[in-house]
C-alpha atoms as a PDB file:
ATOM      1  CA  MET A   1      79.637  -9.120 -31.451  1.00  0.00           C
ATOM      2  CA  LYS A   2      83.368  -9.023 -31.941  1.00  0.00           C
ATOM      3  CA  PRO A   3      85.589  -8.690 -28.820  1.00  0.00           C
ATOM      4  CA  ALA A   4      87.075  -5.516 -30.241  1.00  0.00           C
ATOM      5  CA  ARG A   5      83.680  -3.808 -30.428  1.00  0.00           C
ATOM      6  CA  ILE A   6      82.755  -4.902 -26.859  1.00  0.00           C
ATOM      7  CA  LEU A   7      86.015  -3.454 -25.616  1.00  0.00           C
ATOM      8  CA  ILE A   8      85.412  -0.159 -27.421  1.00  0.00           C
ATOM      9  CA  LEU A   9      81.862   0.136 -25.915  1.00  0.00           C
ATOM     10  CA  ALA A  10      83.130  -0.601 -22.394  1.00  0.00           C
ATOM     11  CA  VAL A  11      85.822   2.055 -22.706  1.00  0.00           C
ATOM     12  CA  ALA A  12      83.227   4.554 -23.957  1.00  0.00           C
ATOM     13  CA  VAL A  13      80.909   3.903 -20.982  1.00  0.00           C
ATOM     14  CA  VAL A  14      83.714   4.246 -18.451  1.00  0.00           C
ATOM     15  CA  ALA A  15      84.917   7.431 -20.118  1.00  0.00           C
ATOM     16  CA  ALA A  16      81.414   8.929 -20.016  1.00  0.00           C
ATOM     17  CA  GLY A  17      81.123   8.137 -16.281  1.00  0.00           C
ATOM     18  CA  LEU A  18      84.495   9.655 -15.497  1.00  0.00           C
ATOM     19  CA  ALA A  19      83.592  12.747 -17.499  1.00  0.00           C
ATOM     20  CA  GLY A  20      80.356  13.155 -15.509  1.00  0.00           C
ATOM     21  CA  LEU A  21      82.140  12.847 -12.167  1.00  0.00           C
ATOM     22  CA  LEU A  22      84.806  15.312 -13.263  1.00  0.00           C
ATOM     23  CA  ALA A  23      82.122  17.804 -14.340  1.00  0.00           C
ATOM     24  CA  MET A  24      80.304  17.576 -10.981  1.00  0.00           C
ATOM     25  CA  ARG A  25      83.532  18.051  -9.037  1.00  0.00           C
ATOM     26  CA  LEU A  26      84.419  21.086 -11.092  1.00  0.00           C
ATOM     27  CA  SER A  27      80.961  22.592 -10.486  1.00  0.00           C
ATOM     28  CA  GLY A  28      81.079  21.793  -6.767  1.00  0.00           C
ATOM     29  CA  THR A  29      77.851  19.700  -6.772  1.00  0.00           C
ATOM     30  CA  SER A  30      77.350  16.175  -5.640  1.00  0.00           C
ATOM     31  CA  ALA A  31      75.334  13.397  -7.176  1.00  0.00           C
ATOM     32  CA  PRO A  32      71.634  13.739  -6.432  1.00  0.00           C
ATOM     33  CA  GLN A  33      70.262  11.438  -3.733  1.00  0.00           C
ATOM     34  CA  ILE A  34      66.638  10.329  -3.335  1.00  0.00           C
ATOM     35  CA  ALA A  35      65.402  10.824   0.196  1.00  0.00           C
ATOM     36  CA  GLU A  36      62.059   9.428   1.289  1.00  0.00           C
ATOM     37  CA  THR A  37      60.404  11.342   4.128  1.00  0.00           C
ATOM     38  CA  VAL A  38      57.283   9.963   5.822  1.00  0.00           C
ATOM     39  CA  ILE A  39      55.317  12.425   7.917  1.00  0.00           C
ATOM     40  CA  LYS A  40      53.095  10.648  10.419  1.00  0.00           C
ATOM     41  CA  GLN A  41      49.892  12.481  11.236  1.00  0.00           C
ATOM     42  CA  PRO A  42      48.998  12.546  14.946  1.00  0.00           C
ATOM     43  CA  SER A  43      45.927  10.419  15.671  1.00  0.00           C
ATOM     44  CA  ILE A  44      43.555   9.721  18.525  1.00  0.00           C
ATOM     45  CA  ASN A  45      41.336   6.704  19.214  1.00  0.00           C
ATOM     46  CA  VAL A  46      37.657   7.332  18.467  1.00  0.00           C
ATOM     47  CA  LEU A  47      34.776   5.012  19.373  1.00  0.00           C
ATOM     48  CA  VAL A  48      33.131   3.697  16.194  1.00  0.00           C
ATOM     49  CA  SER A  49      30.579   1.073  15.221  1.00  0.00           C
ATOM     50  CA  ALA A  50      31.978  -2.391  14.549  1.00  0.00           C
ATOM     51  CA  ALA A  51      29.004  -3.303  12.339  1.00  0.00           C
ATOM     52  CA  ASN A  52      25.918  -1.829  10.718  1.00  0.00           C
ATOM     53  CA  LEU A  53      23.483  -1.079  13.566  1.00  0.00           C
ATOM     54  CA  PRO A  54      19.786  -0.658  12.714  1.00  0.00           C
ATOM     55  CA  VAL A  55      17.348   1.326  14.847  1.00  0.00           C
ATOM     56  CA  GLY A  56      16.538  -0.398  18.144  1.00  0.00           C
ATOM     57  CA  THR A  57      19.829  -2.304  18.398  1.00  0.00           C
ATOM     58  CA  ARG A  58      21.320  -2.530  21.881  1.00  0.00           C
ATOM     59  CA  LEU A  59      25.010  -1.644  22.017  1.00  0.00           C
ATOM     60  CA  GLY A  60      27.511  -4.174  23.300  1.00  0.00           C
ATOM     61  CA  GLU A  61      31.264  -4.662  23.297  1.00  0.00           C
ATOM     62  CA  ASP A  62      30.981  -6.695  20.086  1.00  0.00           C
ATOM     63  CA  SER A  63      29.294  -3.785  18.280  1.00  0.00           C
ATOM     64  CA  LEU A  64      31.859  -1.122  19.258  1.00  0.00           C
ATOM     65  CA  ARG A  65      35.601  -0.657  18.739  1.00  0.00           C
ATOM     66  CA  TRP A  66      38.310   1.979  19.006  1.00  0.00           C
ATOM     67  CA  LEU A  67      39.683   3.313  15.729  1.00  0.00           C
ATOM     68  CA  ALA A  68      42.697   5.579  15.184  1.00  0.00           C
ATOM     69  CA  TRP A  69      41.356   8.850  13.792  1.00  0.00           C
ATOM     70  CA  PRO A  70      43.366  11.851  12.503  1.00  0.00           C
ATOM     71  CA  GLU A  71      43.530  14.279  15.405  1.00  0.00           C
ATOM     72  CA  ASP A  72      42.641  17.268  13.244  1.00  0.00           C
ATOM     73  CA  GLY A  73      39.554  15.374  11.994  1.00  0.00           C
ATOM     74  CA  VAL A  74      37.991  14.842  15.437  1.00  0.00           C
ATOM     75  CA  VAL A  75      34.934  17.057  15.856  1.00  0.00           C
ATOM     76  CA  GLU A  76      32.730  17.859  18.829  1.00  0.00           C
ATOM     77  CA  GLY A  77      30.476  14.946  19.698  1.00  0.00           C
ATOM     78  CA  PHE A  78      33.003  12.170  18.956  1.00  0.00           C
ATOM     79  CA  ILE A  79      33.758   9.844  21.875  1.00  0.00           C
ATOM     80  CA  THR A  80      37.527   9.577  22.337  1.00  0.00           C
ATOM     81  CA  GLU A  81      39.507   7.078  24.406  1.00  0.00           C
ATOM     82  CA  ALA A  82      41.475   9.924  25.972  1.00  0.00           C
ATOM     83  CA  ALA A  83      38.313  11.606  27.288  1.00  0.00           C
ATOM     84  CA  GLN A  84      36.214   8.486  28.028  1.00  0.00           C
ATOM     85  CA  PRO A  85      38.449   5.417  28.380  1.00  0.00           C
ATOM     86  CA  GLN A  86      35.563   3.354  29.815  1.00  0.00           C
ATOM     87  CA  ALA A  87      33.077   4.371  27.097  1.00  0.00           C
ATOM     88  CA  MET A  88      32.565   0.852  25.747  1.00  0.00           C
ATOM     89  CA  SER A  89      31.360  -0.467  29.100  1.00  0.00           C
ATOM     90  CA  GLU A  90      29.450   2.738  29.884  1.00  0.00           C
ATOM     91  CA  LEU A  91      27.454   2.501  26.634  1.00  0.00           C
ATOM     92  CA  ASN A  92      26.733  -1.202  27.012  1.00  0.00           C
ATOM     93  CA  GLY A  93      22.994  -1.756  26.564  1.00  0.00           C
ATOM     94  CA  MET A  94      22.285   1.676  25.100  1.00  0.00           C
ATOM     95  CA  VAL A  95      19.713   1.764  22.282  1.00  0.00           C
ATOM     96  CA  VAL A  96      20.408   2.948  18.735  1.00  0.00           C
ATOM     97  CA  ARG A  97      17.913   5.742  17.841  1.00  0.00           C
ATOM     98  CA  LEU A  98      19.147   6.355  14.279  1.00  0.00           C
ATOM     99  CA  PRO A  99      20.926   3.961  11.892  1.00  0.00           C
ATOM    100  CA  VAL A 100      24.698   3.703  12.406  1.00  0.00           C
ATOM    101  CA  PHE A 101      26.994   2.283   9.730  1.00  0.00           C
ATOM    102  CA  GLU A 102      30.145   0.222  10.247  1.00  0.00           C
ATOM    103  CA  GLY A 103      33.130   2.460  10.987  1.00  0.00           C
ATOM    104  CA  GLU A 104      30.947   5.475  11.795  1.00  0.00           C
ATOM    105  CA  PRO A 105      31.850   7.373  14.992  1.00  0.00           C
ATOM    106  CA  ILE A 106      29.309   6.910  17.792  1.00  0.00           C
ATOM    107  CA  ARG A 107      27.565  10.190  18.659  1.00  0.00           C
ATOM    108  CA  GLY A 108      25.262  10.957  21.560  1.00  0.00           C
ATOM    109  CA  GLU A 109      22.331  12.051  19.383  1.00  0.00           C
ATOM    110  CA  LYS A 110      22.173   8.620  17.724  1.00  0.00           C
ATOM    111  CA  ILE A 111      21.821   6.593  20.919  1.00  0.00           C
ATOM    112  CA  ALA A 112      19.440   6.600  23.884  1.00  0.00           C
ATOM    113  CA  ASP A 113      19.592   5.455  27.497  1.00  0.00           C
ATOM    114  CA  SER A 114      19.736   1.801  28.445  1.00  0.00           C
ATOM    115  CA  SER A 115      16.188   1.634  29.783  1.00  0.00           C
ATOM    116  CA  ASP A 116      14.177  -1.463  28.955  1.00  0.00           C
ATOM    117  CA  ARG A 117      11.557   0.874  27.446  1.00  0.00           C
ATOM    118  CA  ILE A 118      13.076   0.793  23.972  1.00  0.00           C
ATOM    119  CA  MET A 119      10.218   2.550  22.204  1.00  0.00           C
ATOM    120  CA  SER A 120      10.156   5.479  24.621  1.00  0.00           C
ATOM    121  CA  SER A 121      13.926   5.754  24.148  1.00  0.00           C
ATOM    122  CA  LEU A 122      13.472   6.054  20.391  1.00  0.00           C
ATOM    123  CA  LEU A 123      10.917   8.855  20.658  1.00  0.00           C
ATOM    124  CA  PRO A 124      12.220  12.438  20.373  1.00  0.00           C
ATOM    125  CA  ALA A 125      11.001  14.852  23.041  1.00  0.00           C
ATOM    126  CA  GLY A 126       7.429  16.007  22.433  1.00  0.00           C
ATOM    127  CA  LYS A 127       6.531  13.132  20.101  1.00  0.00           C
ATOM    128  CA  ARG A 128       4.038  10.295  20.579  1.00  0.00           C
ATOM    129  CA  ALA A 129       4.043   6.693  19.317  1.00  0.00           C
ATOM    130  CA  VAL A 130       0.718   5.606  17.810  1.00  0.00           C
ATOM    131  CA  ALA A 131       0.009   2.168  16.345  1.00  0.00           C
ATOM    132  CA  ILE A 132      -2.053   1.487  13.240  1.00  0.00           C
ATOM    133  CA  GLU A 133      -3.122  -1.908  11.890  1.00  0.00           C
ATOM    134  CA  ILE A 134      -1.788  -2.669   8.424  1.00  0.00           C
ATOM    135  CA  SER A 135      -1.684  -5.503   5.926  1.00  0.00           C
ATOM    136  CA  VAL A 136       0.183  -6.181   2.700  1.00  0.00           C
ATOM    137  CA  ALA A 137      -2.573  -4.306   0.850  1.00  0.00           C
ATOM    138  CA  THR A 138      -2.565  -1.252   3.143  1.00  0.00           C
ATOM    139  CA  GLY A 139       1.177  -1.170   3.903  1.00  0.00           C
ATOM    140  CA  ALA A 140       2.699  -0.565   0.440  1.00  0.00           C
ATOM    141  CA  GLY A 141       2.999  -4.275  -0.272  1.00  0.00           C
ATOM    142  CA  GLY A 142       5.107  -4.902   2.820  1.00  0.00           C
ATOM    143  CA  PHE A 143       7.845  -2.467   1.765  1.00  0.00           C
ATOM    144  CA  VAL A 144       7.237  -0.008   4.618  1.00  0.00           C
ATOM    145  CA  LEU A 145      10.156  -0.264   7.054  1.00  0.00           C
ATOM    146  CA  PRO A 146      11.271   1.582  10.204  1.00  0.00           C
ATOM    147  CA  ASN A 147      12.447   5.152   9.489  1.00  0.00           C
ATOM    148  CA  ASP A 148      10.454   5.325   6.250  1.00  0.00           C
ATOM    149  CA  ARG A 149       8.141   8.285   5.651  1.00  0.00           C
ATOM    150  CA  VAL A 150       4.480   7.682   4.851  1.00  0.00           C
ATOM    151  CA  ASP A 151       1.174   9.414   4.238  1.00  0.00           C
ATOM    152  CA  VAL A 152      -1.866   8.030   6.065  1.00  0.00           C
ATOM    153  CA  ILE A 153      -4.866   7.924   3.738  1.00  0.00           C
ATOM    154  CA  MET A 154      -8.392   7.491   5.074  1.00  0.00           C
ATOM    155  CA  VAL A 155     -11.153   5.911   2.991  1.00  0.00           C
ATOM    156  CA  ARG A 156     -14.764   5.847   4.210  1.00  0.00           C
ATOM    157  CA  ASN A 157     -18.163   5.253   2.754  1.00  0.00           C
ATOM    158  CA  GLN A 158     -20.754   7.991   3.131  1.00  0.00           C
ATOM    159  CA  ASP A 159     -24.133   7.809   1.392  1.00  0.00           C
ATOM    160  CA  ASP A 160     -22.834   5.226  -1.088  1.00  0.00           C
ATOM    161  CA  ARG A 161     -19.901   7.463  -1.970  1.00  0.00           C
ATOM    162  CA  PHE A 162     -16.301   6.750  -1.086  1.00  0.00           C
ATOM    163  CA  LEU A 163     -14.468   9.694   0.465  1.00  0.00           C
ATOM    164  CA  THR A 164     -10.687   9.656   0.533  1.00  0.00           C
ATOM    165  CA  GLU A 165      -8.185  12.120   1.989  1.00  0.00           C
ATOM    166  CA  ASN A 166      -4.767  12.402   3.573  1.00  0.00           C
ATOM    167  CA  VAL A 167      -5.163  12.191   7.330  1.00  0.00           C
ATOM    168  CA  LEU A 168      -1.433  12.664   7.983  1.00  0.00           C
ATOM    169  CA  SER A 169       1.404  13.544   5.627  1.00  0.00           C
ATOM    170  CA  ASN A 170       5.094  12.653   5.695  1.00  0.00           C
ATOM    171  CA  VAL A 171       5.195  11.068   9.161  1.00  0.00           C
ATOM    172  CA  ARG A 172       7.999   8.753  10.280  1.00  0.00           C
ATOM    173  CA  VAL A 173       7.524   5.047  10.893  1.00  0.00           C
ATOM    174  CA  LEU A 174       9.118   4.065  14.193  1.00  0.00           C
ATOM    175  CA  ALA A 175       8.620   0.314  13.984  1.00  0.00           C
ATOM    176  CA  ILE A 176       6.865  -2.478  12.137  1.00  0.00           C
ATOM    177  CA  ASP A 177       5.920  -5.590  14.071  1.00  0.00           C
ATOM    178  CA  GLN A 178       6.424  -8.649  11.927  1.00  0.00           C
ATOM    179  CA  GLN A 179       5.162 -12.197  11.880  1.00  0.00           C
ATOM    180  CA  ILE A 180       5.798 -15.164   9.611  1.00  0.00           C
ATOM    181  CA  GLN A 181       2.902 -15.845   7.221  1.00  0.00           C
ATOM    182  CA  GLU A 182       2.696 -19.030   5.177  1.00  0.00           C
ATOM    183  CA  SER A 183       1.434 -18.660   1.620  1.00  0.00           C
ATOM    184  CA  PRO A 184      -0.793 -21.237  -0.149  1.00  0.00           C
ATOM    185  CA  ASP A 185       2.211 -22.672  -2.007  1.00  0.00           C
ATOM    186  CA  GLY A 186       3.980 -23.403   1.278  1.00  0.00           C
ATOM    187  CA  SER A 187       6.531 -20.582   1.145  1.00  0.00           C
ATOM    188  CA  LYS A 188       6.825 -18.220   4.101  1.00  0.00           C
ATOM    189  CA  ALA A 189       7.078 -14.453   4.164  1.00  0.00           C
ATOM    190  CA  VAL A 190       7.602 -11.840   6.877  1.00  0.00           C
ATOM    191  CA  VAL A 191       4.519  -9.610   7.038  1.00  0.00           C
ATOM    192  CA  GLY A 192       3.944  -6.616   9.315  1.00  0.00           C
ATOM    193  CA  THR A 193       0.531  -6.312  10.959  1.00  0.00           C
ATOM    194  CA  THR A 194       1.044  -3.127  12.982  1.00  0.00           C
ATOM    195  CA  ALA A 195       2.962   0.041  12.158  1.00  0.00           C
ATOM    196  CA  THR A 196       3.964   2.437  14.935  1.00  0.00           C
ATOM    197  CA  LEU A 197       4.119   6.066  13.798  1.00  0.00           C
ATOM    198  CA  GLU A 198       5.961   9.028  15.313  1.00  0.00           C
ATOM    199  CA  LEU A 199       3.379  11.801  15.770  1.00  0.00           C
ATOM    200  CA  THR A 200       2.877  15.118  17.501  1.00  0.00           C
ATOM    201  CA  PRO A 201       0.146  15.272  20.180  1.00  0.00           C
ATOM    202  CA  ASP A 202      -2.287  16.864  17.680  1.00  0.00           C
ATOM    203  CA  GLN A 203      -1.465  14.252  15.061  1.00  0.00           C
ATOM    204  CA  ALA A 204      -2.066  11.521  17.626  1.00  0.00           C
ATOM    205  CA  GLN A 205      -5.563  12.920  18.258  1.00  0.00           C
ATOM    206  CA  VAL A 206      -6.244  13.077  14.520  1.00  0.00           C
ATOM    207  CA  MET A 207      -5.204   9.449  14.179  1.00  0.00           C
ATOM    208  CA  ALA A 208      -7.423   8.362  17.077  1.00  0.00           C
ATOM    209  CA  VAL A 209     -10.474   9.989  15.455  1.00  0.00           C
ATOM    210  CA  ALA A 210      -9.572   8.729  11.968  1.00  0.00           C
ATOM    211  CA  GLN A 211      -9.364   5.131  13.179  1.00  0.00           C
ATOM    212  CA  GLN A 212     -12.940   5.441  14.470  1.00  0.00           C
ATOM    213  CA  MET A 213     -14.256   7.091  11.293  1.00  0.00           C
ATOM    214  CA  ALA A 214     -12.398   5.204   8.571  1.00  0.00           C
ATOM    215  CA  ASP A 215     -13.492   2.086   6.783  1.00  0.00           C
ATOM    216  CA  ARG A 216      -9.864   1.667   5.844  1.00  0.00           C
ATOM    217  CA  LEU A 217      -6.540   3.380   6.601  1.00  0.00           C
ATOM    218  CA  THR A 218      -3.695   2.970   4.127  1.00  0.00           C
ATOM    219  CA  LEU A 219      -0.013   3.854   4.410  1.00  0.00           C
ATOM    220  CA  ALA A 220       1.407   5.421   1.245  1.00  0.00           C
ATOM    221  CA  LEU A 221       5.199   5.087   1.148  1.00  0.00           C
ATOM    222  CA  ARG A 222       7.056   8.310   0.340  1.00  0.00           C
ATOM    223  CA  SER A 223      10.433   8.890  -1.289  1.00  0.00           C
ATOM    224  CA  VAL A 224      13.492   9.122   0.939  1.00  0.00           C
ATOM    225  CA  ALA A 225      14.013  12.559  -0.630  1.00  0.00           C
ATOM    226  CA  ASP A 226      10.987  13.795   1.357  1.00  0.00           C
ATOM    227  CA  ALA A 227      12.653  13.110   4.719  1.00  0.00           C
ATOM    228  CA  GLN A 228      13.650  16.754   5.177  1.00  0.00           C
ATOM    229  CA  GLU A 229      10.143  18.070   4.531  1.00  0.00           C
ATOM    230  CA  ALA A 230       7.999  18.996   7.519  1.00  0.00           C
ATOM    231  CA  ASP A 231       5.306  16.532   8.537  1.00  0.00           C
ATOM    232  CA  THR A 232       1.930  18.228   8.206  1.00  0.00           C
ATOM    233  CA  VAL A 233      -1.581  17.446   9.355  1.00  0.00           C
ATOM    234  CA  ALA A 234      -3.999  17.238   6.435  1.00  0.00           C
ATOM    235  CA  ALA A 235      -7.123  16.600   8.502  1.00  0.00           C
ATOM    236  CA  ASP A 236      -7.115  19.305  11.162  1.00  0.00           C
ATOM    237  CA  TYR A 237     -10.881  19.475  10.935  1.00  0.00           C
ATOM    238  CA  LEU A 238     -11.104  16.256  12.951  1.00  0.00           C
ATOM    239  CA  LEU A 239      -9.881  18.165  16.023  1.00  0.00           C
ATOM    240  CA  ASN A 240     -12.461  20.970  16.018  1.00  0.00           C
ATOM    241  CA  GLY A 241     -15.760  19.261  15.503  1.00  0.00           C
ATOM    242  CA  GLY A 242     -15.771  19.163  11.717  1.00  0.00           C
ATOM    243  CA  THR A 243     -15.019  22.221   9.648  1.00  0.00           C
ATOM    244  CA  LYS A 244     -14.184  22.508   5.975  1.00  0.00           C
ATOM    245  CA  ALA A 245     -11.608  20.129   4.603  1.00  0.00           C
ATOM    246  CA  GLU A 246     -10.258  19.137   1.236  1.00  0.00           C
ATOM    247  CA  ILE A 247     -11.491  15.713   0.218  1.00  0.00           C
ATOM    248  CA  GLN A 248     -12.040  13.656  -2.893  1.00  0.00           C
ATOM    249  CA  VAL A 249     -15.325  11.936  -3.641  1.00  0.00           C
ATOM    250  CA  ILE A 250     -15.144   8.682  -5.581  1.00  0.00           C
ATOM    251  CA  LYS A 251     -18.394   7.589  -7.199  1.00  0.00           C
ATOM    252  CA  SER A 252     -18.851   4.906  -9.834  1.00  0.00           C
ATOM    253  CA  GLY A 253     -15.101   4.689 -10.300  1.00  0.00           C
ATOM    254  CA  SER A 254     -14.684   8.407 -11.053  1.00  0.00           C
ATOM    255  CA  ILE A 255     -13.144  11.104  -8.839  1.00  0.00           C
ATOM    256  CA  VAL A 256     -15.397  14.081  -8.231  1.00  0.00           C
ATOM    257  CA  SER A 257     -13.471  17.082  -6.823  1.00  0.00           C
ATOM    258  CA  SER A 258     -14.959  18.585  -3.698  1.00  0.00           C
ATOM    259  CA  PRO A 259     -12.279  20.817  -2.158  1.00  0.00           C
ATOM    260  CA  GLN A 260     -14.519  22.665   0.266  1.00  0.00           C
ATOM    261  CA  THR A 261     -17.006  20.080   1.487  1.00  0.00           C
ATOM    262  CA  GLN A 262     -18.416  20.288   5.025  1.00  0.00           C
ATOM    263  CA  ILE A 263     -17.591  17.092   6.923  1.00  0.00           C
ATOM    264  CA  GLN A 264     -19.029  16.112  10.285  1.00  0.00           C
ATOM    265  CA  PRO A 265     -17.489  13.309  12.324  1.00  0.00           C
ATOM    266  CA  GLN A 266     -19.685  10.255  12.546  1.00  0.00           C
END
């Protein structure tokens, strides 16, 4: 580009700038300025989980931490450093009753006292813990885990006919004891042999009778979507000496409906 053209462009730019300044002065306004304002929200330290904590975990200082939480987001039940500065040491050894995820505020309803009786700490008031023997075949292939919901199905042989029915429906699994089992090819798997169920007193009695009557008890795993449904007793007749109950009769591989069959405990 020729020097003359460069000079003409420079003069034009300077003239445009001077014209802009003159216009602003005449109008009494100043050049706009960009101001950045940062508003800091007040916060308060809340006690949260430092890791994912499954049911039965004992709390310790390595599993808890303080986290700055927006003050207007703190709700009743949160443990704050201002209200309980010694909370981490006070909760040491407490038992997790319901799963807690990393970063989740610790709430009183999800933990239990620090007693060595972990199972009794996990039980809600009015509930009973009842154990049932299971295997891979009767425990949904080993996929039944603590906090899952299951149906308990009873199968028994009567007069060369197999009777099957739901003894309990939609009950919560408290725990699964596990042991290492070696397969024929040398690989090892973790297999539960006993499931502990959370039952009402009446359900516990039903289970006690069913374990005496049944040739086999099977746990049928339910969808997590059923967790909000009420747990119901499907075999109330076991508690009153044997009244009518809905059962299914299996004979020669076929199901024969018998919804109002009289059953007497054996």
